PDB file of N, CA and C in Angstrom:
ATOM      1  N   MET A   1      -0.243-196.498  78.189  1.00  0.00           N
ATOM      2  CA  MET A   1      -0.502-196.029  79.540  1.00  0.00           C
ATOM      3  C   MET A   1      -2.019-195.880  79.729  1.00  0.00           C
ATOM      4  N   ALA A   2      -2.517-196.411  80.805  1.00  0.00           N
ATOM      5  CA  ALA A   2      -3.954-196.364  81.084  1.00  0.00           C
ATOM      6  C   ALA A   2      -4.373-194.959  81.504  1.00  0.00           C
ATOM      7  N   ASP A   3      -5.567-194.593  81.107  1.00  0.00           N
ATOM      8  CA  ASP A   3      -6.124-193.283  81.455  1.00  0.00           C
ATOM      9  C   ASP A   3      -7.109-193.467  82.600  1.00  0.00           C
ATOM     10  N   ILE A   4      -7.081-192.572  83.544  1.00  0.00           N
ATOM     11  CA  ILE A   4      -7.978-192.634  84.693  1.00  0.00           C
ATOM     12  C   ILE A   4      -9.441-192.617  84.254  1.00  0.00           C
ATOM     13  N   TYR A   5      -9.717-192.049  83.108  1.00  0.00           N
ATOM     14  CA  TYR A   5     -11.090-191.951  82.601  1.00  0.00           C
ATOM     15  C   TYR A   5     -11.670-193.330  82.257  1.00  0.00           C
ATOM     16  N   ASP A   6     -10.799-194.301  82.036  1.00  0.00           N
ATOM     17  CA  ASP A   6     -11.233-195.650  81.692  1.00  0.00           C
ATOM     18  C   ASP A   6     -11.523-196.510  82.925  1.00  0.00           C
ATOM     19  N   ASN A   7     -11.327-195.957  84.107  1.00  0.00           N
ATOM     20  CA  ASN A   7     -11.537-196.700  85.347  1.00  0.00           C
ATOM     21  C   ASN A   7     -12.833-196.298  86.043  1.00  0.00           C
ATOM     22  N   THR A   8     -13.256-197.134  86.971  1.00  0.00           N
ATOM     23  CA  THR A   8     -14.428-196.824  87.789  1.00  0.00           C
ATOM     24  C   THR A   8     -13.986-195.892  88.911  1.00  0.00           C
ATOM     25  N   ILE A   9     -14.693-194.792  89.073  1.00  0.00           N
ATOM     26  CA  ILE A   9     -14.357-193.790  90.086  1.00  0.00           C
ATOM     27  C   ILE A   9     -15.546-193.674  91.037  1.00  0.00           C
ATOM     28  N   LEU A  10     -15.246-193.583  92.334  1.00  0.00           N
ATOM     29  CA  LEU A  10     -16.286-193.408  93.335  1.00  0.00           C
ATOM     30  C   LEU A  10     -16.261-191.986  93.869  1.00  0.00           C
ATOM     31  N   CYS A  11     -17.429-191.464  94.197  1.00  0.00           N
ATOM     32  CA  CYS A  11     -17.542-190.122  94.772  1.00  0.00           C
ATOM     33  C   CYS A  11     -16.850-190.104  96.127  1.00  0.00           C
ATOM     34  N   ASN A  12     -16.071-189.060  96.371  1.00  0.00           N
ATOM     35  CA  ASN A  12     -15.359-188.983  97.646  1.00  0.00           C
ATOM     36  C   ASN A  12     -16.266-188.528  98.791  1.00  0.00           C
ATOM     37  N   LYS A  13     -17.508-188.139  98.485  1.00  0.00           N
ATOM     38  CA  LYS A  13     -18.453-187.724  99.533  1.00  0.00           C
ATOM     39  C   LYS A  13     -19.426-188.838  99.896  1.00  0.00           C
ATOM     40  N   CYS A  14     -20.013-189.480  98.862  1.00  0.00           N
ATOM     41  CA  CYS A  14     -21.078-190.452  99.143  1.00  0.00           C
ATOM     42  C   CYS A  14     -20.740-191.878  98.697  1.00  0.00           C
ATOM     43  N   GLU A  15     -19.563-192.084  98.124  1.00  0.00           N
ATOM     44  CA  GLU A  15     -19.107-193.396  97.659  1.00  0.00           C
ATOM     45  C   GLU A  15     -19.943-193.967  96.510  1.00  0.00           C
ATOM     46  N   GLU A  16     -20.761-193.140  95.873  1.00  0.00           N
ATOM     47  CA  GLU A  16     -21.562-193.555  94.720  1.00  0.00           C
ATOM     48  C   GLU A  16     -20.642-193.645  93.492  1.00  0.00           C
ATOM     49  N   LYS A  17     -20.935-194.577  92.598  1.00  0.00           N
ATOM     50  CA  LYS A  17     -20.159-194.704  91.361  1.00  0.00           C
ATOM     51  C   LYS A  17     -20.442-193.492  90.477  1.00  0.00           C
ATOM     52  N   LEU A  18     -19.371-192.821  90.023  1.00  0.00           N
ATOM     53  CA  LEU A  18     -19.511-191.645  89.169  1.00  0.00           C
ATOM     54  C   LEU A  18     -19.791-192.060  87.736  1.00  0.00           C
ATOM     55  N   GLN A  19     -20.586-191.259  87.061  1.00  0.00           N
ATOM     56  CA  GLN A  19     -20.909-191.499  85.660  1.00  0.00           C
ATOM     57  C   GLN A  19     -20.039-190.610  84.788  1.00  0.00           C
ATOM     58  N   LYS A  20     -19.619-191.143  83.644  1.00  0.00           N
ATOM     59  CA  LYS A  20     -18.830-190.344  82.703  1.00  0.00           C
ATOM     60  C   LYS A  20     -19.722-189.274  82.101  1.00  0.00           C
ATOM     61  N   ALA A  21     -19.136-188.103  81.914  1.00  0.00           N
ATOM     62  CA  ALA A  21     -19.872-186.973  81.343  1.00  0.00           C
ATOM     63  C   ALA A  21     -18.883-186.075  80.612  1.00  0.00           C
ATOM     64  N   HIS A  22     -19.378-184.970  80.098  1.00  0.00           N
ATOM     65  CA  HIS A  22     -18.537-183.962  79.459  1.00  0.00           C
ATOM     66  C   HIS A  22     -18.999-182.586  79.920  1.00  0.00           C
ATOM     67  N   ALA A  23     -18.043-181.680  80.005  1.00  0.00           N
ATOM     68  CA  ALA A  23     -18.343-180.292  80.338  1.00  0.00           C
ATOM     69  C   ALA A  23     -17.796-179.432  79.207  1.00  0.00           C
ATOM     70  N   ILE A  24     -18.497-178.376  78.868  1.00  0.00           N
ATOM     71  CA  ILE A  24     -18.043-177.453  77.834  1.00  0.00           C
ATOM     72  C   ILE A  24     -17.614-176.165  78.518  1.00  0.00           C
ATOM     73  N   ARG A  25     -16.359-175.783  78.291  1.00  0.00           N
ATOM     74  CA  ARG A  25     -15.825-174.526  78.845  1.00  0.00           C
ATOM     75  C   ARG A  25     -15.039-173.821  77.751  1.00  0.00           C
ATOM     76  N   GLY A  26     -15.499-172.653  77.374  1.00  0.00           N
ATOM     77  CA  GLY A  26     -14.774-171.851  76.393  1.00  0.00           C
ATOM     78  C   GLY A  26     -14.486-172.582  75.094  1.00  0.00           C
ATOM     79  N   GLY A  27     -15.412-173.414  74.652  1.00  0.00           N
ATOM     80  CA  GLY A  27     -15.210-174.143  73.413  1.00  0.00           C
ATOM     81  C   GLY A  27     -14.491-175.467  73.572  1.00  0.00           C
ATOM     82  N   PHE A  28     -14.034-175.785  74.768  1.00  0.00           N
ATOM     83  CA  PHE A  28     -13.359-177.051  75.031  1.00  0.00           C
ATOM     84  C   PHE A  28     -14.369-178.069  75.530  1.00  0.00           C
ATOM     85  N   LYS A  29     -14.288-179.272  75.017  1.00  0.00           N
ATOM     86  CA  LYS A  29     -15.099-180.373  75.518  1.00  0.00           C
ATOM     87  C   LYS A  29     -14.207-181.144  76.493  1.00  0.00           C
ATOM     88  N   LEU A  30     -14.478-180.995  77.770  1.00  0.00           N
ATOM     89  CA  LEU A  30     -13.656-181.587  78.823  1.00  0.00           C
ATOM     90  C   LEU A  30     -14.306-182.863  79.348  1.00  0.00           C
ATOM     91  N   ARG A  31     -13.509-183.911  79.466  1.00  0.00           N
ATOM     92  CA  ARG A  31     -14.016-185.144  80.063  1.00  0.00           C
ATOM     93  C   ARG A  31     -14.263-184.894  81.546  1.00  0.00           C
ATOM     94  N   SER A  32     -15.302-185.497  82.055  1.00  0.00           N
ATOM     95  CA  SER A  32     -15.614-185.311  83.467  1.00  0.00           C
ATOM     96  C   SER A  32     -16.381-186.509  83.998  1.00  0.00           C
ATOM     97  N   TRP A  33     -16.614-186.484  85.298  1.00  0.00           N
ATOM     98  CA  TRP A  33     -17.451-187.471  85.967  1.00  0.00           C
ATOM     99  C   TRP A  33     -18.531-186.713  86.711  1.00  0.00           C
ATOM    100  N   TRP A  34     -19.687-187.348  86.832  1.00  0.00           N
ATOM    101  CA  TRP A  34     -20.826-186.710  87.479  1.00  0.00           C
ATOM    102  C   TRP A  34     -21.402-187.673  88.502  1.00  0.00           C
ATOM    103  N   CYS A  35     -21.641-187.170  89.712  1.00  0.00           N
ATOM    104  CA  CYS A  35     -22.228-187.985  90.772  1.00  0.00           C
ATOM    105  C   CYS A  35     -23.745-187.809  90.729  1.00  0.00           C
ATOM    106  N   PRO A  36     -24.488-188.887  90.463  1.00  0.00           N
ATOM    107  CA  PRO A  36     -25.945-188.768  90.411  1.00  0.00           C
ATOM    108  C   PRO A  36     -26.559-188.480  91.777  1.00  0.00           C
ATOM    109  N   ASN A  37     -25.849-188.792  92.833  1.00  0.00           N
ATOM    110  CA  ASN A  37     -26.350-188.573  94.187  1.00  0.00           C
ATOM    111  C   ASN A  37     -26.072-187.143  94.667  1.00  0.00           C
ATOM    112  N   CYS A  38     -24.813-186.715  94.583  1.00  0.00           N
ATOM    113  CA  CYS A  38     -24.411-185.372  95.064  1.00  0.00           C
ATOM    114  C   CYS A  38     -24.666-184.274  94.027  1.00  0.00           C
ATOM    115  N   LYS A  39     -24.837-184.671  92.783  1.00  0.00           N
ATOM    116  CA  LYS A  39     -25.038-183.733  91.665  1.00  0.00           C
ATOM    117  C   LYS A  39     -23.804-182.858  91.421  1.00  0.00           C
ATOM    118  N   GLU A  40     -22.621-183.382  91.743  1.00  0.00           N
ATOM    119  CA  GLU A  40     -21.378-182.631  91.531  1.00  0.00           C
ATOM    120  C   GLU A  40     -20.620-183.208  90.348  1.00  0.00           C
ATOM    121  N   GLN A  41     -19.910-182.328  89.648  1.00  0.00           N
ATOM    122  CA  GLN A  41     -19.138-182.724  88.484  1.00  0.00           C
ATOM    123  C   GLN A  41     -17.660-182.498  88.759  1.00  0.00           C
ATOM    124  N   THR A  42     -16.841-183.466  88.343  1.00  0.00           N
ATOM    125  CA  THR A  42     -15.395-183.376  88.495  1.00  0.00           C
ATOM    126  C   THR A  42     -14.767-183.464  87.114  1.00  0.00           C
ATOM    127  N   ILE A  43     -13.916-182.505  86.787  1.00  0.00           N
ATOM    128  CA  ILE A  43     -13.253-182.452  85.477  1.00  0.00           C
ATOM    129  C   ILE A  43     -12.004-183.327  85.509  1.00  0.00           C
ATOM    130  N   HIS A  44     -11.736-184.009  84.401  1.00  0.00           N
ATOM    131  CA  HIS A  44     -10.525-184.829  84.264  1.00  0.00           C
ATOM    132  C   HIS A  44      -9.312-183.919  84.464  1.00  0.00           C
ATOM    133  N   PRO A  45      -8.358-184.316  85.316  1.00  0.00           N
ATOM    134  CA  PRO A  45      -7.210-183.439  85.606  1.00  0.00           C
ATOM    135  C   PRO A  45      -6.377-183.059  84.379  1.00  0.00           C
ATOM    136  N   ALA A  46      -6.185-183.970  83.438  1.00  0.00           N
ATOM    137  CA  ALA A  46      -5.392-183.650  82.248  1.00  0.00           C
ATOM    138  C   ALA A  46      -6.116-182.619  81.387  1.00  0.00           C
ATOM    139  N   ASP A  47      -7.430-182.768  81.245  1.00  0.00           N
ATOM    140  CA  ASP A  47      -8.207-181.807  80.458  1.00  0.00           C
ATOM    141  C   ASP A  47      -8.235-180.443  81.132  1.00  0.00           C
ATOM    142  N   GLU A  48      -8.309-180.436  82.450  1.00  0.00           N
ATOM    143  CA  GLU A  48      -8.295-179.181  83.210  1.00  0.00           C
ATOM    144  C   GLU A  48      -6.970-178.450  83.003  1.00  0.00           C
ATOM    145  N   THR A  49      -5.870-179.194  82.982  1.00  0.00           N
ATOM    146  CA  THR A  49      -4.540-178.603  82.768  1.00  0.00           C
ATOM    147  C   THR A  49      -4.441-177.972  81.384  1.00  0.00           C
ATOM    148  N   ILE A  50      -4.915-178.683  80.368  1.00  0.00           N
ATOM    149  CA  ILE A  50      -4.878-178.144  79.001  1.00  0.00           C
ATOM    150  C   ILE A  50      -5.745-176.891  78.893  1.00  0.00           C
ATOM    151  N   HIS A  51      -6.894-176.913  79.537  1.00  0.00           N
ATOM    152  CA  HIS A  51      -7.783-175.750  79.510  1.00  0.00           C
ATOM    153  C   HIS A  51      -7.120-174.547  80.183  1.00  0.00           C
ATOM    154  N   ARG A  52      -6.455-174.773  81.318  1.00  0.00           N
ATOM    155  CA  ARG A  52      -5.742-173.675  82.006  1.00  0.00           C
ATOM    156  C   ARG A  52      -4.624-173.112  81.141  1.00  0.00           C
ATOM    157  N   GLN A  53      -3.881-173.992  80.444  1.00  0.00           N
ATOM    158  CA  GLN A  53      -2.816-173.535  79.555  1.00  0.00           C
ATOM    159  C   GLN A  53      -3.384-172.642  78.460  1.00  0.00           C
ATOM    160  N   PHE A  54      -4.536-173.033  77.912  1.00  0.00           N
ATOM    161  CA  PHE A  54      -5.181-172.236  76.883  1.00  0.00           C
ATOM    162  C   PHE A  54      -5.576-170.863  77.425  1.00  0.00           C
ATOM    163  N   ILE A  55      -6.149-170.826  78.614  1.00  0.00           N
ATOM    164  CA  ILE A  55      -6.572-169.555  79.225  1.00  0.00           C
ATOM    165  C   ILE A  55      -5.362-168.630  79.391  1.00  0.00           C
ATOM    166  N   GLU A  56      -4.241-169.185  79.831  1.00  0.00           N
ATOM    167  CA  GLU A  56      -3.021-168.380  79.994  1.00  0.00           C
ATOM    168  C   GLU A  56      -2.514-167.860  78.651  1.00  0.00           C
ATOM    169  N   LEU A  57      -2.527-168.706  77.624  1.00  0.00           N
ATOM    170  CA  LEU A  57      -2.109-168.262  76.285  1.00  0.00           C
ATOM    171  C   LEU A  57      -3.036-167.185  75.747  1.00  0.00           C
ATOM    172  N   LYS A  58      -4.319-167.343  76.002  1.00  0.00           N
ATOM    173  CA  LYS A  58      -5.315-166.400  75.503  1.00  0.00           C
ATOM    174  C   LYS A  58      -5.132-165.005  76.115  1.00  0.00           C
ATOM    175  N   LYS A  59      -4.635-164.944  77.333  1.00  0.00           N
ATOM    176  CA  LYS A  59      -4.414-163.662  78.020  1.00  0.00           C
ATOM    177  C   LYS A  59      -3.238-162.885  77.429  1.00  0.00           C
ATOM    178  N   ARG A  60      -2.300-163.620  76.809  1.00  0.00           N
ATOM    179  CA  ARG A  60      -1.088-162.984  76.287  1.00  0.00           C
ATOM    180  C   ARG A  60      -1.325-162.358  74.928  1.00  0.00           C
ATOM    181  N   GLU A  61      -0.600-161.300  74.672  1.00  0.00           N
ATOM    182  CA  GLU A  61      -0.590-160.691  73.345  1.00  0.00           C
ATOM    183  C   GLU A  61       0.820-160.844  72.806  1.00  0.00           C
ATOM    184  N   PHE A  62       0.933-161.414  71.617  1.00  0.00           N
ATOM    185  CA  PHE A  62       2.232-161.664  71.010  1.00  0.00           C
ATOM    186  C   PHE A  62       2.495-160.644  69.913  1.00  0.00           C
ATOM    187  N   GLU A  63       3.723-160.159  69.859  1.00  0.00           N
ATOM    188  CA  GLU A  63       4.157-159.290  68.778  1.00  0.00           C
ATOM    189  C   GLU A  63       5.113-160.120  67.940  1.00  0.00           C
ATOM    190  N   VAL A  64       4.768-160.343  66.655  1.00  0.00           N
ATOM    191  CA  VAL A  64       5.550-161.238  65.810  1.00  0.00           C
ATOM    192  C   VAL A  64       6.035-160.508  64.560  1.00  0.00           C
ATOM    193  N   LYS A  65       7.020-161.114  63.905  1.00  0.00           N
ATOM    194  CA  LYS A  65       7.598-160.523  62.705  1.00  0.00           C
ATOM    195  C   LYS A  65       6.832-160.950  61.460  1.00  0.00           C
ATOM    196  N   LEU A  66       6.700-160.036  60.526  1.00  0.00           N
ATOM    197  CA  LEU A  66       6.125-160.293  59.212  1.00  0.00           C
ATOM    198  C   LEU A  66       7.252-160.083  58.209  1.00  0.00           C
ATOM    199  N   ARG A  67       7.548-161.111  57.393  1.00  0.00           N
ATOM    200  CA  ARG A  67       8.667-161.036  56.448  1.00  0.00           C
ATOM    201  C   ARG A  67       8.208-161.424  55.052  1.00  0.00           C
ATOM    202  N   GLN A  68       8.846-160.825  54.069  1.00  0.00           N
ATOM    203  CA  GLN A  68       8.568-161.214  52.695  1.00  0.00           C
ATOM    204  C   GLN A  68       9.543-162.305  52.285  1.00  0.00           C
ATOM    205  N   ILE A  69       8.987-163.374  51.712  1.00  0.00           N
ATOM    206  CA  ILE A  69       9.792-164.488  51.213  1.00  0.00           C
ATOM    207  C   ILE A  69       9.335-164.732  49.778  1.00  0.00           C
ATOM    208  N   GLY A  70      10.114-164.271  48.816  1.00  0.00           N
ATOM    209  CA  GLY A  70       9.707-164.377  47.415  1.00  0.00           C
ATOM    210  C   GLY A  70       8.481-163.517  47.174  1.00  0.00           C
ATOM    211  N   ASN A  71       7.429-164.133  46.614  1.00  0.00           N
ATOM    212  CA  ASN A  71       6.187-163.409  46.354  1.00  0.00           C
ATOM    213  C   ASN A  71       5.178-163.544  47.499  1.00  0.00           C
ATOM    214  N   SER A  72       5.573-164.199  48.562  1.00  0.00           N
ATOM    215  CA  SER A  72       4.669-164.421  49.698  1.00  0.00           C
ATOM    216  C   SER A  72       5.196-163.713  50.940  1.00  0.00           C
ATOM    217  N   TRP A  73       4.353-163.701  51.954  1.00  0.00           N
ATOM    218  CA  TRP A  73       4.731-163.127  53.238  1.00  0.00           C
ATOM    219  C   TRP A  73       4.621-164.216  54.298  1.00  0.00           C
ATOM    220  N   ALA A  74       5.519-164.172  55.288  1.00  0.00           N
ATOM    221  CA  ALA A  74       5.539-165.174  56.361  1.00  0.00           C
ATOM    222  C   ALA A  74       5.390-164.475  57.709  1.00  0.00           C
ATOM    223  N   VAL A  75       4.653-165.114  58.595  1.00  0.00           N
ATOM    224  CA  VAL A  75       4.456-164.624  59.959  1.00  0.00           C
ATOM    225  C   VAL A  75       5.071-165.638  60.906  1.00  0.00           C
ATOM    226  N   SER A  76       5.827-165.174  61.882  1.00  0.00           N
ATOM    227  CA  SER A  76       6.379-166.058  62.906  1.00  0.00           C
ATOM    228  C   SER A  76       5.295-166.344  63.941  1.00  0.00           C
ATOM    229  N   ILE A  77       5.086-167.633  64.226  1.00  0.00           N
ATOM    230  CA  ILE A  77       4.117-168.018  65.255  1.00  0.00           C
ATOM    231  C   ILE A  77       4.914-168.388  66.494  1.00  0.00           C
ATOM    232  N   PRO A  78       4.623-167.782  67.642  1.00  0.00           N
ATOM    233  CA  PRO A  78       5.382-168.049  68.863  1.00  0.00           C
ATOM    234  C   PRO A  78       5.384-169.534  69.242  1.00  0.00           C
ATOM    235  N   LYS A  79       6.521-169.979  69.787  1.00  0.00           N
ATOM    236  CA  LYS A  79       6.684-171.395  70.126  1.00  0.00           C
ATOM    237  C   LYS A  79       5.668-171.865  71.158  1.00  0.00           C
ATOM    238  N   GLU A  80       5.188-170.979  72.029  1.00  0.00           N
ATOM    239  CA  GLU A  80       4.186-171.377  73.022  1.00  0.00           C
ATOM    240  C   GLU A  80       2.894-171.836  72.338  1.00  0.00           C
ATOM    241  N   ILE A  81       2.520-171.141  71.274  1.00  0.00           N
ATOM    242  CA  ILE A  81       1.310-171.511  70.529  1.00  0.00           C
ATOM    243  C   ILE A  81       1.553-172.812  69.764  1.00  0.00           C
ATOM    244  N   ILE A  82       2.717-172.942  69.152  1.00  0.00           N
ATOM    245  CA  ILE A  82       3.063-174.157  68.405  1.00  0.00           C
ATOM    246  C   ILE A  82       3.055-175.366  69.327  1.00  0.00           C
ATOM    247  N   ARG A  83       3.636-175.231  70.513  1.00  0.00           N
ATOM    248  CA  ARG A  83       3.649-176.343  71.479  1.00  0.00           C
ATOM    249  C   ARG A  83       2.238-176.698  71.924  1.00  0.00           C
ATOM    250  N   PHE A  84       1.433-175.683  72.209  1.00  0.00           N
ATOM    251  CA  PHE A  84       0.065-175.934  72.660  1.00  0.00           C
ATOM    252  C   PHE A  84      -0.729-176.659  71.583  1.00  0.00           C
ATOM    253  N   GLN A  85      -0.549-176.264  70.328  1.00  0.00           N
ATOM    254  CA  GLN A  85      -1.276-176.874  69.214  1.00  0.00           C
ATOM    255  C   GLN A  85      -0.662-178.201  68.775  1.00  0.00           C
ATOM    256  N   GLU A  86       0.466-178.568  69.406  1.00  0.00           N
ATOM    257  CA  GLU A  86       1.177-179.813  69.091  1.00  0.00           C
ATOM    258  C   GLU A  86       1.514-179.909  67.598  1.00  0.00           C
ATOM    259  N   VAL A  87       2.057-178.827  67.071  1.00  0.00           N
ATOM    260  CA  VAL A  87       2.437-178.789  65.658  1.00  0.00           C
ATOM    261  C   VAL A  87       3.704-179.624  65.467  1.00  0.00           C
ATOM    262  N   LYS A  88       3.647-180.496  64.473  1.00  0.00           N
ATOM    263  CA  LYS A  88       4.805-181.317  64.115  1.00  0.00           C
ATOM    264  C   LYS A  88       5.325-180.793  62.775  1.00  0.00           C
ATOM    265  N   GLU A  89       6.195-181.545  62.145  1.00  0.00           N
ATOM    266  CA  GLU A  89       6.797-181.105  60.887  1.00  0.00           C
ATOM    267  C   GLU A  89       5.746-180.870  59.805  1.00  0.00           C
ATOM    268  N   THR A  90       4.762-181.742  59.705  1.00  0.00           N
ATOM    269  CA  THR A  90       3.735-181.579  58.672  1.00  0.00           C
ATOM    270  C   THR A  90       2.437-181.144  59.336  1.00  0.00           C
ATOM    271  N   LYS A  91       2.051-179.943  59.069  1.00  0.00           N
ATOM    272  CA  LYS A  91       0.828-179.396  59.653  1.00  0.00           C
ATOM    273  C   LYS A  91       0.155-178.529  58.614  1.00  0.00           C
ATOM    274  N   ILE A  92      -1.116-178.724  58.423  1.00  0.00           N
ATOM    275  CA  ILE A  92      -1.891-177.920  57.480  1.00  0.00           C
ATOM    276  C   ILE A  92      -2.638-176.869  58.287  1.00  0.00           C
ATOM    277  N   ILE A  93      -2.600-175.641  57.833  1.00  0.00           N
ATOM    278  CA  ILE A  93      -3.397-174.608  58.479  1.00  0.00           C
ATOM    279  C   ILE A  93      -4.317-173.990  57.443  1.00  0.00           C
ATOM    280  N   ARG A  94      -5.430-173.499  57.912  1.00  0.00           N
ATOM    281  CA  ARG A  94      -6.349-172.758  57.059  1.00  0.00           C
ATOM    282  C   ARG A  94      -6.402-171.348  57.611  1.00  0.00           C
ATOM    283  N   MET A  95      -6.561-170.383  56.740  1.00  0.00           N
ATOM    284  CA  MET A  95      -6.698-169.012  57.215  1.00  0.00           C
ATOM    285  C   MET A  95      -7.677-168.262  56.348  1.00  0.00           C
ATOM    286  N   ASN A  96      -8.307-167.273  56.939  1.00  0.00           N
ATOM    287  CA  ASN A  96      -9.207-166.420  56.179  1.00  0.00           C
ATOM    288  C   ASN A  96      -9.271-165.039  56.812  1.00  0.00           C
ATOM    289  N   MET A  97      -9.657-164.083  55.994  1.00  0.00           N
ATOM    290  CA  MET A  97      -9.854-162.715  56.467  1.00  0.00           C
ATOM    291  C   MET A  97     -11.287-162.615  56.987  1.00  0.00           C
ATOM    292  N   GLU A  98     -11.426-162.351  58.264  1.00  0.00           N
ATOM    293  CA  GLU A  98     -12.765-162.203  58.837  1.00  0.00           C
ATOM    294  C   GLU A  98     -13.330-160.820  58.562  1.00  0.00           C
ATOM    295  N   GLU A  99     -12.458-159.830  58.662  1.00  0.00           N
ATOM    296  CA  GLU A  99     -12.830-158.439  58.405  1.00  0.00           C
ATOM    297  C   GLU A  99     -11.535-157.688  58.164  1.00  0.00           C
ATOM    298  N   PRO A 100     -11.573-156.459  57.698  1.00  0.00           N
ATOM    299  CA  PRO A 100     -10.328-155.718  57.479  1.00  0.00           C
ATOM    300  C   PRO A 100      -9.496-155.660  58.772  1.00  0.00           C
ATOM    301  N   GLY A 101      -8.252-156.080  58.678  1.00  0.00           N
ATOM    302  CA  GLY A 101      -7.356-156.041  59.827  1.00  0.00           C
ATOM    303  C   GLY A 101      -7.428-157.262  60.723  1.00  0.00           C
ATOM    304  N   LYS A 102      -8.257-158.258  60.377  1.00  0.00           N
ATOM    305  CA  LYS A 102      -8.395-159.441  61.227  1.00  0.00           C
ATOM    306  C   LYS A 102      -8.232-160.705  60.398  1.00  0.00           C
ATOM    307  N   LEU A 103      -7.135-161.424  60.650  1.00  0.00           N
ATOM    308  CA  LEU A 103      -6.825-162.676  59.980  1.00  0.00           C
ATOM    309  C   LEU A 103      -6.998-163.804  60.994  1.00  0.00           C
ATOM    310  N   THR A 104      -7.697-164.858  60.617  1.00  0.00           N
ATOM    311  CA  THR A 104      -7.891-166.001  61.503  1.00  0.00           C
ATOM    312  C   THR A 104      -7.138-167.192  60.931  1.00  0.00           C
ATOM    313  N   ILE A 105      -6.426-167.910  61.809  1.00  0.00           N
ATOM    314  CA  ILE A 105      -5.687-169.110  61.428  1.00  0.00           C
ATOM    315  C   ILE A 105      -6.311-170.291  62.142  1.00  0.00           C
ATOM    316  N   PHE A 106      -6.571-171.359  61.385  1.00  0.00           N
ATOM    317  CA  PHE A 106      -7.128-172.582  61.939  1.00  0.00           C
ATOM    318  C   PHE A 106      -6.103-173.696  61.791  1.00  0.00           C
ATOM    319  N   PHE A 107      -5.750-174.334  62.901  1.00  0.00           N
ATOM    320  CA  PHE A 107      -4.849-175.478  62.872  1.00  0.00           C
ATOM    321  C   PHE A 107      -5.679-176.735  62.661  1.00  0.00           C
ATOM    322  N   SER A 108      -5.232-177.624  61.779  1.00  0.00           N
ATOM    323  CA  SER A 108      -5.914-178.878  61.519  1.00  0.00           C
ATOM    324  C   SER A 108      -4.985-180.013  61.883  1.00  0.00           C
ATOM    325  N   LYS A 109      -5.540-181.072  62.449  1.00  0.00           N
ATOM    326  CA  LYS A 109      -4.735-182.239  62.776  1.00  0.00           C
ATOM    327  C   LYS A 109      -4.592-183.108  61.548  1.00  0.00           C
ATOM    328  N   ILE A 110      -3.403-183.692  61.392  1.00  0.00           N
ATOM    329  CA  ILE A 110      -3.162-184.657  60.331  1.00  0.00           C
ATOM    330  C   ILE A 110      -3.119-186.015  60.996  1.00  0.00           C
ATOM    331  N   TYR A 111      -4.001-186.901  60.574  1.00  0.00           N
ATOM    332  CA  TYR A 111      -4.064-188.245  61.157  1.00  0.00           C
ATOM    333  C   TYR A 111      -3.294-189.191  60.248  1.00  0.00           C
ATOM    334  N   GLU A 112      -2.331-189.846  60.840  1.00  0.00           N
ATOM    335  CA  GLU A 112      -1.474-190.759  60.050  1.00  0.00           C
ATOM    336  C   GLU A 112      -1.854-192.194  60.296  1.00  0.00           C
TER     337      GLU A 112
END
């Protein structure tokens, strides 16, 4: 399926050809177009949607279960976070203790 980002886009105000660019919002690198004439930037709609989903997830506080399994402990990760991170059957995560009481989990993509 073709992506709109691969096509030539014209400014809806001045009909000038838009240039590809990127915008950084909250750690996200969003694809965008920039009009050299109007000096306006337009964010790719798919990237904007993903960014909004992240903002909504970030606002929520999840209460999850902690269980002992053998000599280890397991934490349930809410399905909304799993879906957003596009976790499949094989996913590697990294975690570390940032400070007492604060555990950080990093999701890594596996490229096949």
